[in-house]
Amino acid sequence: METIDVNELHEMMTQGDEFMLINVLDEENFHEHHIPGSRNVPINTPNFAERVEQMVGDKDRTIVVYCANTECTASPTAAKKLEHAGFTNVLDFEGGIEAWEQAQRPVEKGPRV
């Protein structure tokens, strides 16, 4: 599993790279704050990998998962689950929403419309 940091994620976003950004924390946490453009599929969702596949449509598409911070184990666990399910390009944004906010990057609140 490959990891990326806040600068690499920001660069992917500003360069218009094609990828799906997934927050793997629970829905309540997602509504509190999340990275703009991210989708929410909690790691504890039944059939997590299948839900992600339905959302992205292609196991070769780049997927970036993130959780709360570097101590949070949800995103590395999610990345491993996706890789075991056959996804070929999964990245773990290991700093999570905490690193994103510390870097003074924008956040959204509430459900994604």
PDB file of N, CA and C in Angstrom:
ATOM      1  N   MET A   1       0.841  -1.173   0.000  1.00  0.00           N
ATOM      2  CA  MET A   1       0.000   0.000   0.000  1.00  0.00           C
ATOM      3  C   MET A   1       0.888   1.239   0.000  1.00  0.00           C
ATOM      4  N   GLU A   2       0.568   2.133  -0.887  1.00  0.00           N
ATOM      5  CA  GLU A   2       1.331   3.380  -0.990  1.00  0.00           C
ATOM      6  C   GLU A   2       0.629   4.460  -0.165  1.00  0.00           C
ATOM      7  N   THR A   3       1.423   5.309   0.479  1.00  0.00           N
ATOM      8  CA  THR A   3       0.862   6.411   1.241  1.00  0.00           C
ATOM      9  C   THR A   3       1.219   7.735   0.571  1.00  0.00           C
ATOM     10  N   ILE A   4       0.388   8.732   0.824  1.00  0.00           N
ATOM     11  CA  ILE A   4       0.665  10.081   0.341  1.00  0.00           C
ATOM     12  C   ILE A   4       0.481  11.054   1.497  1.00  0.00           C
ATOM     13  N   ASP A   5       1.071  12.240   1.364  1.00  0.00           N
ATOM     14  CA  ASP A   5       0.930  13.255   2.401  1.00  0.00           C
ATOM     15  C   ASP A   5       0.028  14.380   1.900  1.00  0.00           C
ATOM     16  N   VAL A   6      -0.158  15.371   2.748  1.00  0.00           N
ATOM     17  CA  VAL A   6      -1.083  16.461   2.436  1.00  0.00           C
ATOM     18  C   VAL A   6      -0.679  17.225   1.175  1.00  0.00           C
ATOM     19  N   ASN A   7       0.601  17.424   0.968  1.00  0.00           N
ATOM     20  CA  ASN A   7       1.053  18.148  -0.223  1.00  0.00           C
ATOM     21  C   ASN A   7       0.804  17.344  -1.495  1.00  0.00           C
ATOM     22  N   GLU A   8       1.030  16.040  -1.429  1.00  0.00           N
ATOM     23  CA  GLU A   8       0.787  15.197  -2.604  1.00  0.00           C
ATOM     24  C   GLU A   8      -0.705  15.155  -2.953  1.00  0.00           C
ATOM     25  N   LEU A   9      -1.550  15.057  -1.927  1.00  0.00           N
ATOM     26  CA  LEU A   9      -2.992  15.056  -2.188  1.00  0.00           C
ATOM     27  C   LEU A   9      -3.430  16.388  -2.771  1.00  0.00           C
ATOM     28  N   HIS A  10      -2.965  17.472  -2.201  1.00  0.00           N
ATOM     29  CA  HIS A  10      -3.330  18.794  -2.711  1.00  0.00           C
ATOM     30  C   HIS A  10      -2.884  18.951  -4.167  1.00  0.00           C
ATOM     31  N   GLU A  11      -1.703  18.465  -4.480  1.00  0.00           N
ATOM     32  CA  GLU A  11      -1.201  18.536  -5.860  1.00  0.00           C
ATOM     33  C   GLU A  11      -2.084  17.724  -6.800  1.00  0.00           C
ATOM     34  N   MET A  12      -2.489  16.519  -6.370  1.00  0.00           N
ATOM     35  CA  MET A  12      -3.379  15.700  -7.201  1.00  0.00           C
ATOM     36  C   MET A  12      -4.677  16.455  -7.483  1.00  0.00           C
ATOM     37  N   MET A  13      -5.187  17.142  -6.482  1.00  0.00           N
ATOM     38  CA  MET A  13      -6.450  17.864  -6.630  1.00  0.00           C
ATOM     39  C   MET A  13      -6.295  19.083  -7.537  1.00  0.00           C
ATOM     40  N   THR A  14      -5.231  19.844  -7.354  1.00  0.00           N
ATOM     41  CA  THR A  14      -5.073  21.074  -8.138  1.00  0.00           C
ATOM     42  C   THR A  14      -4.666  20.789  -9.580  1.00  0.00           C
ATOM     43  N   GLN A  15      -4.035  19.658  -9.813  1.00  0.00           N
ATOM     44  CA  GLN A  15      -3.646  19.305 -11.185  1.00  0.00           C
ATOM     45  C   GLN A  15      -4.779  18.631 -11.942  1.00  0.00           C
ATOM     46  N   GLY A  16      -5.872  18.376 -11.242  1.00  0.00           N
ATOM     47  CA  GLY A  16      -7.018  17.762 -11.904  1.00  0.00           C
ATOM     48  C   GLY A  16      -6.851  16.273 -12.160  1.00  0.00           C
ATOM     49  N   ASP A  17      -6.000  15.613 -11.363  1.00  0.00           N
ATOM     50  CA  ASP A  17      -5.837  14.162 -11.517  1.00  0.00           C
ATOM     51  C   ASP A  17      -7.189  13.476 -11.321  1.00  0.00           C
ATOM     52  N   GLU A  18      -7.402  12.410 -12.052  1.00  0.00           N
ATOM     53  CA  GLU A  18      -8.639  11.645 -11.978  1.00  0.00           C
ATOM     54  C   GLU A  18      -8.511  10.608 -10.863  1.00  0.00           C
ATOM     55  N   PHE A  19      -9.268  10.803  -9.778  1.00  0.00           N
ATOM     56  CA  PHE A  19      -9.253   9.851  -8.672  1.00  0.00           C
ATOM     57  C   PHE A  19     -10.512  10.033  -7.829  1.00  0.00           C
ATOM     58  N   MET A  20     -10.796   9.032  -7.012  1.00  0.00           N
ATOM     59  CA  MET A  20     -11.919   9.098  -6.084  1.00  0.00           C
ATOM     60  C   MET A  20     -11.343   9.220  -4.683  1.00  0.00           C
ATOM     61  N   LEU A  21     -11.792  10.225  -3.943  1.00  0.00           N
ATOM     62  CA  LEU A  21     -11.342  10.486  -2.585  1.00  0.00           C
ATOM     63  C   LEU A  21     -12.429   9.999  -1.623  1.00  0.00           C
ATOM     64  N   ILE A  22     -12.050   9.073  -0.733  1.00  0.00           N
ATOM     65  CA  ILE A  22     -13.039   8.445   0.144  1.00  0.00           C
ATOM     66  C   ILE A  22     -12.655   8.612   1.612  1.00  0.00           C
ATOM     67  N   ASN A  23     -13.560   9.217   2.361  1.00  0.00           N
ATOM     68  CA  ASN A  23     -13.441   9.326   3.813  1.00  0.00           C
ATOM     69  C   ASN A  23     -14.035   8.045   4.384  1.00  0.00           C
ATOM     70  N   VAL A  24     -13.246   7.306   5.182  1.00  0.00           N
ATOM     71  CA  VAL A  24     -13.696   6.007   5.686  1.00  0.00           C
ATOM     72  C   VAL A  24     -14.165   6.064   7.138  1.00  0.00           C
ATOM     73  N   LEU A  25     -14.334   7.275   7.677  1.00  0.00           N
ATOM     74  CA  LEU A  25     -14.843   7.433   9.038  1.00  0.00           C
ATOM     75  C   LEU A  25     -16.365   7.345   9.035  1.00  0.00           C
ATOM     76  N   ASP A  26     -16.950   7.306  10.220  1.00  0.00           N
ATOM     77  CA  ASP A  26     -18.410   7.191  10.296  1.00  0.00           C
ATOM     78  C   ASP A  26     -19.093   8.451   9.745  1.00  0.00           C
ATOM     79  N   GLU A  27     -20.364   8.298   9.466  1.00  0.00           N
ATOM     80  CA  GLU A  27     -21.129   9.376   8.823  1.00  0.00           C
ATOM     81  C   GLU A  27     -21.151  10.656   9.663  1.00  0.00           C
ATOM     82  N   GLU A  28     -21.259  10.503  10.976  1.00  0.00           N
ATOM     83  CA  GLU A  28     -21.288  11.673  11.862  1.00  0.00           C
ATOM     84  C   GLU A  28     -20.000  12.486  11.741  1.00  0.00           C
ATOM     85  N   ASN A  29     -18.862  11.801  11.718  1.00  0.00           N
ATOM     86  CA  ASN A  29     -17.571  12.475  11.580  1.00  0.00           C
ATOM     87  C   ASN A  29     -17.474  13.148  10.216  1.00  0.00           C
ATOM     88  N   PHE A  30     -17.936  12.467   9.187  1.00  0.00           N
ATOM     89  CA  PHE A  30     -17.913  13.024   7.832  1.00  0.00           C
ATOM     90  C   PHE A  30     -18.714  14.327   7.779  1.00  0.00           C
ATOM     91  N   HIS A  31     -19.879  14.345   8.414  1.00  0.00           N
ATOM     92  CA  HIS A  31     -20.722  15.544   8.403  1.00  0.00           C
ATOM     93  C   HIS A  31     -20.079  16.687   9.173  1.00  0.00           C
ATOM     94  N   GLU A  32     -19.274  16.364  10.196  1.00  0.00           N
ATOM     95  CA  GLU A  32     -18.563  17.384  10.965  1.00  0.00           C
ATOM     96  C   GLU A  32     -17.596  18.163  10.093  1.00  0.00           C
ATOM     97  N   HIS A  33     -16.797  17.429   9.317  1.00  0.00           N
ATOM     98  CA  HIS A  33     -15.819  18.056   8.417  1.00  0.00           C
ATOM     99  C   HIS A  33     -15.195  16.993   7.529  1.00  0.00           C
ATOM    100  N   HIS A  34     -15.011  17.361   6.268  1.00  0.00           N
ATOM    101  CA  HIS A  34     -14.375  16.455   5.316  1.00  0.00           C
ATOM    102  C   HIS A  34     -13.700  17.267   4.211  1.00  0.00           C
ATOM    103  N   ILE A  35     -12.814  16.614   3.512  1.00  0.00           N
ATOM    104  CA  ILE A  35     -12.097  17.253   2.414  1.00  0.00           C
ATOM    105  C   ILE A  35     -13.073  17.453   1.251  1.00  0.00           C
ATOM    106  N   PRO A  36     -13.107  18.642   0.667  1.00  0.00           N
ATOM    107  CA  PRO A  36     -14.029  18.894  -0.440  1.00  0.00           C
ATOM    108  C   PRO A  36     -13.889  17.843  -1.553  1.00  0.00           C
ATOM    109  N   GLY A  37     -15.032  17.391  -2.025  1.00  0.00           N
ATOM    110  CA  GLY A  37     -15.057  16.417  -3.106  1.00  0.00           C
ATOM    111  C   GLY A  37     -14.989  14.976  -2.639  1.00  0.00           C
ATOM    112  N   SER A  38     -14.760  14.767  -1.343  1.00  0.00           N
ATOM    113  CA  SER A  38     -14.666  13.388  -0.868  1.00  0.00           C
ATOM    114  C   SER A  38     -16.039  12.781  -0.683  1.00  0.00           C
ATOM    115  N   ARG A  39     -16.072  11.461  -0.775  1.00  0.00           N
ATOM    116  CA  ARG A  39     -17.285  10.677  -0.546  1.00  0.00           C
ATOM    117  C   ARG A  39     -17.105   9.924   0.756  1.00  0.00           C
ATOM    118  N   ASN A  40     -18.189   9.487   1.346  1.00  0.00           N
ATOM    119  CA  ASN A  40     -18.129   8.788   2.630  1.00  0.00           C
ATOM    120  C   ASN A  40     -18.582   7.349   2.488  1.00  0.00           C
ATOM    121  N   VAL A  41     -17.650   6.428   2.745  1.00  0.00           N
ATOM    122  CA  VAL A  41     -17.963   5.007   2.858  1.00  0.00           C
ATOM    123  C   VAL A  41     -17.250   4.535   4.119  1.00  0.00           C
ATOM    124  N   PRO A  42     -17.977   4.484   5.252  1.00  0.00           N
ATOM    125  CA  PRO A  42     -17.340   4.075   6.493  1.00  0.00           C
ATOM    126  C   PRO A  42     -16.724   2.673   6.388  1.00  0.00           C
ATOM    127  N   ILE A  43     -15.556   2.507   7.001  1.00  0.00           N
ATOM    128  CA  ILE A  43     -14.836   1.235   6.942  1.00  0.00           C
ATOM    129  C   ILE A  43     -15.680   0.087   7.500  1.00  0.00           C
ATOM    130  N   ASN A  44     -16.560   0.395   8.449  1.00  0.00           N
ATOM    131  CA  ASN A  44     -17.373  -0.668   9.052  1.00  0.00           C
ATOM    132  C   ASN A  44     -18.657  -0.957   8.277  1.00  0.00           C
ATOM    133  N   THR A  45     -18.813  -0.358   7.107  1.00  0.00           N
ATOM    134  CA  THR A  45     -19.963  -0.625   6.248  1.00  0.00           C
ATOM    135  C   THR A  45     -19.926  -2.075   5.776  1.00  0.00           C
ATOM    136  N   PRO A  46     -21.061  -2.796   5.913  1.00  0.00           N
ATOM    137  CA  PRO A  46     -21.079  -4.151   5.353  1.00  0.00           C
ATOM    138  C   PRO A  46     -20.737  -4.098   3.861  1.00  0.00           C
ATOM    139  N   ASN A  47     -19.950  -5.043   3.406  1.00  0.00           N
ATOM    140  CA  ASN A  47     -19.541  -5.102   2.001  1.00  0.00           C
ATOM    141  C   ASN A  47     -18.828  -3.826   1.565  1.00  0.00           C
ATOM    142  N   PHE A  48     -17.918  -3.342   2.405  1.00  0.00           N
ATOM    143  CA  PHE A  48     -17.190  -2.098   2.151  1.00  0.00           C
ATOM    144  C   PHE A  48     -16.610  -2.053   0.736  1.00  0.00           C
ATOM    145  N   ALA A  49     -15.853  -3.068   0.346  1.00  0.00           N
ATOM    146  CA  ALA A  49     -15.193  -3.060  -0.970  1.00  0.00           C
ATOM    147  C   ALA A  49     -16.212  -3.039  -2.106  1.00  0.00           C
ATOM    148  N   GLU A  50     -17.310  -3.753  -1.943  1.00  0.00           N
ATOM    149  CA  GLU A  50     -18.342  -3.769  -2.978  1.00  0.00           C
ATOM    150  C   GLU A  50     -18.997  -2.394  -3.123  1.00  0.00           C
ATOM    151  N   ARG A  51     -19.220  -1.716  -1.995  1.00  0.00           N
ATOM    152  CA  ARG A  51     -19.790  -0.360  -2.038  1.00  0.00           C
ATOM    153  C   ARG A  51     -18.858   0.595  -2.779  1.00  0.00           C
ATOM    154  N   VAL A  52     -17.563   0.475  -2.496  1.00  0.00           N
ATOM    155  CA  VAL A  52     -16.591   1.330  -3.184  1.00  0.00           C
ATOM    156  C   VAL A  52     -16.597   1.006  -4.669  1.00  0.00           C
ATOM    157  N   GLU A  53     -16.629  -0.265  -5.012  1.00  0.00           N
ATOM    158  CA  GLU A  53     -16.639  -0.647  -6.432  1.00  0.00           C
ATOM    159  C   GLU A  53     -17.871  -0.090  -7.138  1.00  0.00           C
ATOM    160  N   GLN A  54     -19.027  -0.129  -6.500  1.00  0.00           N
ATOM    161  CA  GLN A  54     -20.241   0.438  -7.098  1.00  0.00           C
ATOM    162  C   GLN A  54     -20.068   1.933  -7.342  1.00  0.00           C
ATOM    163  N   MET A  55     -19.386   2.596  -6.423  1.00  0.00           N
ATOM    164  CA  MET A  55     -19.200   4.037  -6.517  1.00  0.00           C
ATOM    165  C   MET A  55     -18.201   4.415  -7.617  1.00  0.00           C
ATOM    166  N   VAL A  56     -17.091   3.696  -7.703  1.00  0.00           N
ATOM    167  CA  VAL A  56     -16.029   4.083  -8.644  1.00  0.00           C
ATOM    168  C   VAL A  56     -16.166   3.402  -9.993  1.00  0.00           C
ATOM    169  N   GLY A  57     -16.793   2.221 -10.029  1.00  0.00           N
ATOM    170  CA  GLY A  57     -17.061   1.564 -11.295  1.00  0.00           C
ATOM    171  C   GLY A  57     -15.905   0.826 -11.938  1.00  0.00           C
ATOM    172  N   ASP A  58     -14.694   0.981 -11.438  1.00  0.00           N
ATOM    173  CA  ASP A  58     -13.537   0.371 -12.092  1.00  0.00           C
ATOM    174  C   ASP A  58     -12.447   0.138 -11.052  1.00  0.00           C
ATOM    175  N   LYS A  59     -12.041  -1.102 -10.891  1.00  0.00           N
ATOM    176  CA  LYS A  59     -11.026  -1.428  -9.885  1.00  0.00           C
ATOM    177  C   LYS A  59      -9.642  -0.895 -10.231  1.00  0.00           C
ATOM    178  N   ASP A  60      -9.456  -0.378 -11.440  1.00  0.00           N
ATOM    179  CA  ASP A  60      -8.165   0.205 -11.819  1.00  0.00           C
ATOM    180  C   ASP A  60      -8.122   1.714 -11.603  1.00  0.00           C
ATOM    181  N   ARG A  61      -9.226   2.304 -11.240  1.00  0.00           N
ATOM    182  CA  ARG A  61      -9.273   3.745 -10.989  1.00  0.00           C
ATOM    183  C   ARG A  61      -8.485   4.065  -9.713  1.00  0.00           C
ATOM    184  N   THR A  62      -7.829   5.202  -9.681  1.00  0.00           N
ATOM    185  CA  THR A  62      -7.091   5.616  -8.493  1.00  0.00           C
ATOM    186  C   THR A  62      -8.071   5.979  -7.385  1.00  0.00           C
ATOM    187  N   ILE A  63      -7.827   5.416  -6.204  1.00  0.00           N
ATOM    188  CA  ILE A  63      -8.654   5.681  -5.036  1.00  0.00           C
ATOM    189  C   ILE A  63      -7.737   6.153  -3.920  1.00  0.00           C
ATOM    190  N   VAL A  64      -8.113   7.265  -3.281  1.00  0.00           N
ATOM    191  CA  VAL A  64      -7.396   7.767  -2.119  1.00  0.00           C
ATOM    192  C   VAL A  64      -8.340   7.651  -0.933  1.00  0.00           C
ATOM    193  N   VAL A  65      -7.902   6.942   0.106  1.00  0.00           N
ATOM    194  CA  VAL A  65      -8.690   6.809   1.327  1.00  0.00           C
ATOM    195  C   VAL A  65      -8.051   7.629   2.435  1.00  0.00           C
ATOM    196  N   TYR A  66      -8.888   8.156   3.320  1.00  0.00           N
ATOM    197  CA  TYR A  66      -8.347   8.887   4.472  1.00  0.00           C
ATOM    198  C   TYR A  66      -9.279   8.750   5.664  1.00  0.00           C
ATOM    199  N   CYS A  67      -8.688   9.002   6.846  1.00  0.00           N
ATOM    200  CA  CYS A  67      -9.471   8.971   8.080  1.00  0.00           C
ATOM    201  C   CYS A  67      -9.141  10.206   8.906  1.00  0.00           C
ATOM    202  N   ALA A  68      -8.929  10.056  10.218  1.00  0.00           N
ATOM    203  CA  ALA A  68      -8.799  11.210  11.100  1.00  0.00           C
ATOM    204  C   ALA A  68      -7.396  11.801  11.146  1.00  0.00           C
ATOM    205  N   ASN A  69      -6.381  10.954  11.336  1.00  0.00           N
ATOM    206  CA  ASN A  69      -5.010  11.439  11.530  1.00  0.00           C
ATOM    207  C   ASN A  69      -4.027  10.274  11.394  1.00  0.00           C
ATOM    208  N   THR A  70      -2.764  10.513  11.693  1.00  0.00           N
ATOM    209  CA  THR A  70      -1.752   9.463  11.518  1.00  0.00           C
ATOM    210  C   THR A  70      -1.936   8.308  12.490  1.00  0.00           C
ATOM    211  N   GLU A  71      -2.571   8.534  13.642  1.00  0.00           N
ATOM    212  CA  GLU A  71      -2.802   7.453  14.598  1.00  0.00           C
ATOM    213  C   GLU A  71      -4.014   6.597  14.242  1.00  0.00           C
ATOM    214  N   CYS A  72      -4.884   7.099  13.417  1.00  0.00           N
ATOM    215  CA  CYS A  72      -6.106   6.401  13.027  1.00  0.00           C
ATOM    216  C   CYS A  72      -5.757   5.221  12.124  1.00  0.00           C
ATOM    217  N   THR A  73      -6.334   4.063  12.385  1.00  0.00           N
ATOM    218  CA  THR A  73      -6.036   2.873  11.588  1.00  0.00           C
ATOM    219  C   THR A  73      -7.098   2.577  10.527  1.00  0.00           C
ATOM    220  N   ALA A  74      -8.130   3.398  10.448  1.00  0.00           N
ATOM    221  CA  ALA A  74      -9.228   3.114   9.513  1.00  0.00           C
ATOM    222  C   ALA A  74      -8.791   3.169   8.054  1.00  0.00           C
ATOM    223  N   SER A  75      -8.012   4.182   7.665  1.00  0.00           N
ATOM    224  CA  SER A  75      -7.650   4.280   6.242  1.00  0.00           C
ATOM    225  C   SER A  75      -6.639   3.208   5.817  1.00  0.00           C
ATOM    226  N   PRO A  76      -5.616   2.866   6.615  1.00  0.00           N
ATOM    227  CA  PRO A  76      -4.759   1.764   6.179  1.00  0.00           C
ATOM    228  C   PRO A  76      -5.528   0.442   6.097  1.00  0.00           C
ATOM    229  N   THR A  77      -6.465   0.239   7.021  1.00  0.00           N
ATOM    230  CA  THR A  77      -7.300  -0.968   6.980  1.00  0.00           C
ATOM    231  C   THR A  77      -8.157  -0.976   5.722  1.00  0.00           C
ATOM    232  N   ALA A  78      -8.734   0.168   5.392  1.00  0.00           N
ATOM    233  CA  ALA A  78      -9.562   0.282   4.187  1.00  0.00           C
ATOM    234  C   ALA A  78      -8.730   0.025   2.938  1.00  0.00           C
ATOM    235  N   ALA A  79      -7.532   0.597   2.887  1.00  0.00           N
ATOM    236  CA  ALA A  79      -6.657   0.400   1.722  1.00  0.00           C
ATOM    237  C   ALA A  79      -6.336  -1.078   1.539  1.00  0.00           C
ATOM    238  N   LYS A  80      -6.034  -1.763   2.620  1.00  0.00           N
ATOM    239  CA  LYS A  80      -5.730  -3.201   2.542  1.00  0.00           C
ATOM    240  C   LYS A  80      -6.947  -3.989   2.073  1.00  0.00           C
ATOM    241  N   LYS A  81      -8.131  -3.660   2.591  1.00  0.00           N
ATOM    242  CA  LYS A  81      -9.355  -4.350   2.155  1.00  0.00           C
ATOM    243  C   LYS A  81      -9.572  -4.167   0.655  1.00  0.00           C
ATOM    244  N   LEU A  82      -9.359  -2.947   0.174  1.00  0.00           N
ATOM    245  CA  LEU A  82      -9.560  -2.683  -1.251  1.00  0.00           C
ATOM    246  C   LEU A  82      -8.534  -3.422  -2.098  1.00  0.00           C
ATOM    247  N   GLU A  83      -7.290  -3.434  -1.664  1.00  0.00           N
ATOM    248  CA  GLU A  83      -6.261  -4.168  -2.402  1.00  0.00           C
ATOM    249  C   GLU A  83      -6.578  -5.657  -2.436  1.00  0.00           C
ATOM    250  N   HIS A  84      -7.037  -6.220  -1.321  1.00  0.00           N
ATOM    251  CA  HIS A  84      -7.408  -7.640  -1.280  1.00  0.00           C
ATOM    252  C   HIS A  84      -8.606  -7.929  -2.167  1.00  0.00           C
ATOM    253  N   ALA A  85      -9.436  -6.923  -2.396  1.00  0.00           N
ATOM    254  CA  ALA A  85     -10.611  -7.083  -3.262  1.00  0.00           C
ATOM    255  C   ALA A  85     -10.264  -6.886  -4.743  1.00  0.00           C
ATOM    256  N   GLY A  86      -8.986  -6.603  -5.039  1.00  0.00           N
ATOM    257  CA  GLY A  86      -8.565  -6.494  -6.429  1.00  0.00           C
ATOM    258  C   GLY A  86      -8.390  -5.089  -6.969  1.00  0.00           C
ATOM    259  N   PHE A  87      -8.532  -4.082  -6.134  1.00  0.00           N
ATOM    260  CA  PHE A  87      -8.280  -2.712  -6.594  1.00  0.00           C
ATOM    261  C   PHE A  87      -6.773  -2.546  -6.793  1.00  0.00           C
ATOM    262  N   THR A  88      -6.400  -1.909  -7.878  1.00  0.00           N
ATOM    263  CA  THR A  88      -4.987  -1.893  -8.265  1.00  0.00           C
ATOM    264  C   THR A  88      -4.249  -0.599  -7.960  1.00  0.00           C
ATOM    265  N   ASN A  89      -4.967   0.477  -7.634  1.00  0.00           N
ATOM    266  CA  ASN A  89      -4.294   1.764  -7.436  1.00  0.00           C
ATOM    267  C   ASN A  89      -4.908   2.479  -6.228  1.00  0.00           C
ATOM    268  N   VAL A  90      -4.558   1.989  -5.030  1.00  0.00           N
ATOM    269  CA  VAL A  90      -5.109   2.522  -3.790  1.00  0.00           C
ATOM    270  C   VAL A  90      -4.013   3.271  -3.042  1.00  0.00           C
ATOM    271  N   LEU A  91      -4.320   4.497  -2.648  1.00  0.00           N
ATOM    272  CA  LEU A  91      -3.386   5.323  -1.886  1.00  0.00           C
ATOM    273  C   LEU A  91      -4.011   5.671  -0.541  1.00  0.00           C
ATOM    274  N   ASP A  92      -3.188   5.650   0.505  1.00  0.00           N
ATOM    275  CA  ASP A  92      -3.644   6.023   1.838  1.00  0.00           C
ATOM    276  C   ASP A  92      -3.099   7.407   2.165  1.00  0.00           C
ATOM    277  N   PHE A  93      -4.006   8.379   2.315  1.00  0.00           N
ATOM    278  CA  PHE A  93      -3.605   9.710   2.766  1.00  0.00           C
ATOM    279  C   PHE A  93      -3.477   9.610   4.279  1.00  0.00           C
ATOM    280  N   GLU A  94      -2.248   9.373   4.727  1.00  0.00           N
ATOM    281  CA  GLU A  94      -2.021   8.998   6.115  1.00  0.00           C
ATOM    282  C   GLU A  94      -2.209  10.125   7.122  1.00  0.00           C
ATOM    283  N   GLY A  95      -2.176  11.370   6.725  1.00  0.00           N
ATOM    284  CA  GLY A  95      -2.370  12.464   7.671  1.00  0.00           C
ATOM    285  C   GLY A  95      -3.817  12.712   8.010  1.00  0.00           C
ATOM    286  N   GLY A  96      -4.715  12.300   7.131  1.00  0.00           N
ATOM    287  CA  GLY A  96      -6.143  12.436   7.362  1.00  0.00           C
ATOM    288  C   GLY A  96      -6.611  13.881   7.434  1.00  0.00           C
ATOM    289  N   ILE A  97      -7.838  14.025   7.895  1.00  0.00           N
ATOM    290  CA  ILE A  97      -8.456  15.343   7.959  1.00  0.00           C
ATOM    291  C   ILE A  97      -7.683  16.279   8.887  1.00  0.00           C
ATOM    292  N   GLU A  98      -7.041  15.728   9.910  1.00  0.00           N
ATOM    293  CA  GLU A  98      -6.273  16.569  10.830  1.00  0.00           C
ATOM    294  C   GLU A  98      -5.112  17.267  10.109  1.00  0.00           C
ATOM    295  N   ALA A  99      -4.344  16.521   9.328  1.00  0.00           N
ATOM    296  CA  ALA A  99      -3.226  17.108   8.582  1.00  0.00           C
ATOM    297  C   ALA A  99      -3.747  18.113   7.553  1.00  0.00           C
ATOM    298  N   TRP A 100      -4.873  17.785   6.926  1.00  0.00           N
ATOM    299  CA  TRP A 100      -5.478  18.668   5.926  1.00  0.00           C
ATOM    300  C   TRP A 100      -5.821  20.020   6.549  1.00  0.00           C
ATOM    301  N   GLU A 101      -6.445  19.975   7.726  1.00  0.00           N
ATOM    302  CA  GLU A 101      -6.821  21.220   8.403  1.00  0.00           C
ATOM    303  C   GLU A 101      -5.590  21.961   8.921  1.00  0.00           C
ATOM    304  N   GLN A 102      -4.595  21.242   9.433  1.00  0.00           N
ATOM    305  CA  GLN A 102      -3.376  21.891   9.918  1.00  0.00           C
ATOM    306  C   GLN A 102      -2.640  22.608   8.789  1.00  0.00           C
ATOM    307  N   ALA A 103      -2.768  22.094   7.573  1.00  0.00           N
ATOM    308  CA  ALA A 103      -2.153  22.733   6.409  1.00  0.00           C
ATOM    309  C   ALA A 103      -3.018  23.892   5.888  1.00  0.00           C
ATOM    310  N   GLN A 104      -4.088  24.185   6.604  1.00  0.00           N
ATOM    311  CA  GLN A 104      -5.015  25.268   6.273  1.00  0.00           C
ATOM    312  C   GLN A 104      -5.656  25.094   4.901  1.00  0.00           C
ATOM    313  N   ARG A 105      -5.961  23.856   4.582  1.00  0.00           N
ATOM    314  CA  ARG A 105      -6.696  23.545   3.355  1.00  0.00           C
ATOM    315  C   ARG A 105      -8.191  23.633   3.653  1.00  0.00           C
ATOM    316  N   PRO A 106      -9.020  23.885   2.649  1.00  0.00           N
ATOM    317  CA  PRO A 106     -10.460  24.044   2.890  1.00  0.00           C
ATOM    318  C   PRO A 106     -11.122  22.722   3.287  1.00  0.00           C
ATOM    319  N   VAL A 107     -12.157  22.849   4.109  1.00  0.00           N
ATOM    320  CA  VAL A 107     -12.968  21.697   4.486  1.00  0.00           C
ATOM    321  C   VAL A 107     -14.421  22.028   4.235  1.00  0.00           C
ATOM    322  N   GLU A 108     -15.216  20.988   4.093  1.00  0.00           N
ATOM    323  CA  GLU A 108     -16.664  21.122   3.968  1.00  0.00           C
ATOM    324  C   GLU A 108     -17.305  20.508   5.196  1.00  0.00           C
ATOM    325  N   LYS A 109     -18.526  20.957   5.480  1.00  0.00           N
ATOM    326  CA  LYS A 109     -19.307  20.404   6.575  1.00  0.00           C
ATOM    327  C   LYS A 109     -20.647  19.949   6.027  1.00  0.00           C
ATOM    328  N   GLY A 110     -21.233  18.979   6.700  1.00  0.00           N
ATOM    329  CA  GLY A 110     -22.538  18.480   6.290  1.00  0.00           C
ATOM    330  C   GLY A 110     -22.398  17.371   5.259  1.00  0.00           C
ATOM    331  N   PRO A 111     -23.521  16.792   4.854  1.00  0.00           N
ATOM    332  CA  PRO A 111     -23.479  15.708   3.863  1.00  0.00           C
ATOM    333  C   PRO A 111     -23.077  16.227   2.500  1.00  0.00           C
ATOM    334  N   ARG A 112     -22.476  15.363   1.730  1.00  0.00           N
ATOM    335  CA  ARG A 112     -22.098  15.727   0.355  1.00  0.00           C
ATOM    336  C   ARG A 112     -23.352  15.638  -0.499  1.00  0.00           C
ATOM    337  N   VAL A 113     -23.632  16.667  -1.237  1.00  0.00           N
ATOM    338  CA  VAL A 113     -24.836  16.711  -2.077  1.00  0.00           C
ATOM    339  C   VAL A 113     -24.517  16.207  -3.459  1.00  0.00           C
TER     340      VAL A 113
END
